[in-house]
Amino acid sequence: MDNILTIHLKNKVECELELAKGEAVLDTLAFPLDIHFDTMLVTSIDKILKKNRIETSSLKKVNIAGFVAESSVAYHIASSVKAALECR
């Protein structure tokens, strides 16, 4: 089973991380989408992975979901984090 991390950008005020193993959701973590989004995203990813004893190297896929414009800063930050996690 593959470990999958999904970054849900919700309604311009909240972000939720979903950690799944195959089809089963292992854990979720929500935090506000504010001016410190970059720091909060990286810190929250570290927190959810550590809590579930999963190494970043075992993530097989990172998804970005939600209703945020692809031109938004939040989307670009999430895309950069996704690229960094996928190229490790």
C-alpha atoms as a PDB file:
ATOM      1  CA  MET A   1       0.000   0.000   0.000  1.00  0.00           C
ATOM      2  CA  ASP A   2       1.252   3.451  -0.905  1.00  0.00           C
ATOM      3  CA  ASN A   3       1.388   6.406   1.490  1.00  0.00           C
ATOM      4  CA  ILE A   4      -0.342   9.435  -0.030  1.00  0.00           C
ATOM      5  CA  LEU A   5      -0.389  12.992   1.300  1.00  0.00           C
ATOM      6  CA  THR A   6      -3.095  15.360   0.058  1.00  0.00           C
ATOM      7  CA  ILE A   7      -2.963  19.106   0.629  1.00  0.00           C
ATOM      8  CA  HIS A   8      -6.554  20.407   0.597  1.00  0.00           C
ATOM      9  CA  LEU A   9      -6.720  24.167   0.105  1.00  0.00           C
ATOM     10  CA  LYS A  10     -10.163  24.995   1.442  1.00  0.00           C
ATOM     11  CA  ASN A  11     -12.246  28.140   1.011  1.00  0.00           C
ATOM     12  CA  LYS A  12      -9.278  30.576   1.146  1.00  0.00           C
ATOM     13  CA  VAL A  13      -9.065  30.408   4.953  1.00  0.00           C
ATOM     14  CA  GLU A  14      -8.113  26.842   5.838  1.00  0.00           C
ATOM     15  CA  CYS A  15      -5.779  24.096   4.713  1.00  0.00           C
ATOM     16  CA  GLU A  16      -6.169  20.444   5.603  1.00  0.00           C
ATOM     17  CA  LEU A  17      -3.605  17.708   5.240  1.00  0.00           C
ATOM     18  CA  GLU A  18      -4.844  14.179   4.680  1.00  0.00           C
ATOM     19  CA  LEU A  19      -2.517  11.230   5.104  1.00  0.00           C
ATOM     20  CA  ALA A  20      -3.715   7.989   3.560  1.00  0.00           C
ATOM     21  CA  LYS A  21      -2.410   4.492   3.055  1.00  0.00           C
ATOM     22  CA  GLY A  22      -4.004   3.259  -0.130  1.00  0.00           C
ATOM     23  CA  GLU A  23      -7.715   4.047   0.179  1.00  0.00           C
ATOM     24  CA  ALA A  24      -7.713   4.261   3.992  1.00  0.00           C
ATOM     25  CA  VAL A  25      -7.318   7.694   5.591  1.00  0.00           C
ATOM     26  CA  LEU A  26      -4.799   7.470   8.441  1.00  0.00           C
ATOM     27  CA  ASP A  27      -4.972  11.027   9.759  1.00  0.00           C
ATOM     28  CA  THR A  28      -5.976  14.605   8.984  1.00  0.00           C
ATOM     29  CA  LEU A  29      -4.633  17.917  10.245  1.00  0.00           C
ATOM     30  CA  ALA A  30      -6.198  21.337   9.620  1.00  0.00           C
ATOM     31  CA  PHE A  31      -4.617  24.753  10.066  1.00  0.00           C
ATOM     32  CA  PRO A  32      -5.422  28.329   9.019  1.00  0.00           C
ATOM     33  CA  LEU A  33      -4.349  29.605   5.644  1.00  0.00           C
ATOM     34  CA  ASP A  34      -2.694  32.904   6.598  1.00  0.00           C
ATOM     35  CA  ILE A  35       0.431  34.957   5.937  1.00  0.00           C
ATOM     36  CA  HIS A  36       2.594  32.254   7.541  1.00  0.00           C
ATOM     37  CA  PHE A  37       1.233  29.541   5.245  1.00  0.00           C
ATOM     38  CA  ASP A  38       4.645  28.398   4.027  1.00  0.00           C
ATOM     39  CA  THR A  39       5.948  27.772   7.543  1.00  0.00           C
ATOM     40  CA  MET A  40       2.660  26.278   8.740  1.00  0.00           C
ATOM     41  CA  LEU A  41       2.504  23.898   5.772  1.00  0.00           C
ATOM     42  CA  VAL A  42       5.997  22.513   6.232  1.00  0.00           C
ATOM     43  CA  THR A  43       5.615  22.287  10.021  1.00  0.00           C
ATOM     44  CA  SER A  44       2.222  20.578   9.712  1.00  0.00           C
ATOM     45  CA  ILE A  45       3.532  18.041   7.203  1.00  0.00           C
ATOM     46  CA  ASP A  46       6.384  17.213   9.579  1.00  0.00           C
ATOM     47  CA  LYS A  47       3.908  16.906  12.457  1.00  0.00           C
ATOM     48  CA  ILE A  48       1.439  14.580  10.680  1.00  0.00           C
ATOM     49  CA  LEU A  49       4.221  12.338   9.347  1.00  0.00           C
ATOM     50  CA  LYS A  50       5.970  12.135  12.721  1.00  0.00           C
ATOM     51  CA  LYS A  51       2.700  11.406  14.550  1.00  0.00           C
ATOM     52  CA  ASN A  52       2.031   8.488  12.188  1.00  0.00           C
ATOM     53  CA  ARG A  53       5.671   7.315  12.164  1.00  0.00           C
ATOM     54  CA  ILE A  54       6.045   7.771   8.415  1.00  0.00           C
ATOM     55  CA  GLU A  55       9.251   8.957   6.755  1.00  0.00           C
ATOM     56  CA  THR A  56       9.025  11.482   3.951  1.00  0.00           C
ATOM     57  CA  SER A  57      10.881   9.007   1.755  1.00  0.00           C
ATOM     58  CA  SER A  58       7.961   6.559   2.035  1.00  0.00           C
ATOM     59  CA  LEU A  59       5.443   9.018   0.539  1.00  0.00           C
ATOM     60  CA  LYS A  60       4.576   7.705  -2.903  1.00  0.00           C
ATOM     61  CA  LYS A  61       2.376  10.596  -3.979  1.00  0.00           C
ATOM     62  CA  VAL A  62       1.537  14.156  -2.962  1.00  0.00           C
ATOM     63  CA  ASN A  63      -1.721  15.683  -4.216  1.00  0.00           C
ATOM     64  CA  ILE A  64      -3.069  19.231  -4.154  1.00  0.00           C
ATOM     65  CA  ALA A  65      -6.844  19.571  -3.973  1.00  0.00           C
ATOM     66  CA  GLY A  66      -9.416  22.263  -3.354  1.00  0.00           C
ATOM     67  CA  PHE A  67     -10.859  25.369  -4.888  1.00  0.00           C
ATOM     68  CA  VAL A  68      -7.943  27.782  -5.017  1.00  0.00           C
ATOM     69  CA  ALA A  69      -6.845  29.593  -8.155  1.00  0.00           C
ATOM     70  CA  GLU A  70      -3.637  28.241  -9.647  1.00  0.00           C
ATOM     71  CA  SER A  71      -2.372  31.819  -9.745  1.00  0.00           C
ATOM     72  CA  SER A  72      -2.659  32.232  -5.950  1.00  0.00           C
ATOM     73  CA  VAL A  73       0.381  32.361  -3.691  1.00  0.00           C
ATOM     74  CA  ALA A  74      -1.001  29.496  -1.574  1.00  0.00           C
ATOM     75  CA  TYR A  75      -1.211  27.239  -4.637  1.00  0.00           C
ATOM     76  CA  HIS A  76       2.354  28.111  -5.672  1.00  0.00           C
ATOM     77  CA  ILE A  77       3.652  27.368  -2.165  1.00  0.00           C
ATOM     78  CA  ALA A  78       1.792  24.039  -2.070  1.00  0.00           C
ATOM     79  CA  SER A  79       3.127  23.178  -5.539  1.00  0.00           C
ATOM     80  CA  SER A  80       6.692  23.938  -4.468  1.00  0.00           C
ATOM     81  CA  VAL A  81       6.358  21.770  -1.356  1.00  0.00           C
ATOM     82  CA  LYS A  82       4.837  18.984  -3.474  1.00  0.00           C
ATOM     83  CA  ALA A  83       7.759  19.152  -5.915  1.00  0.00           C
ATOM     84  CA  ALA A  84      10.282  19.098  -3.078  1.00  0.00           C
ATOM     85  CA  LEU A  85       8.669  16.040  -1.476  1.00  0.00           C
ATOM     86  CA  GLU A  86       8.442  14.163  -4.768  1.00  0.00           C
ATOM     87  CA  CYS A  87      12.067  14.708  -5.775  1.00  0.00           C
ATOM     88  CA  ARG A  88      13.685  13.455  -2.561  1.00  0.00           C
END
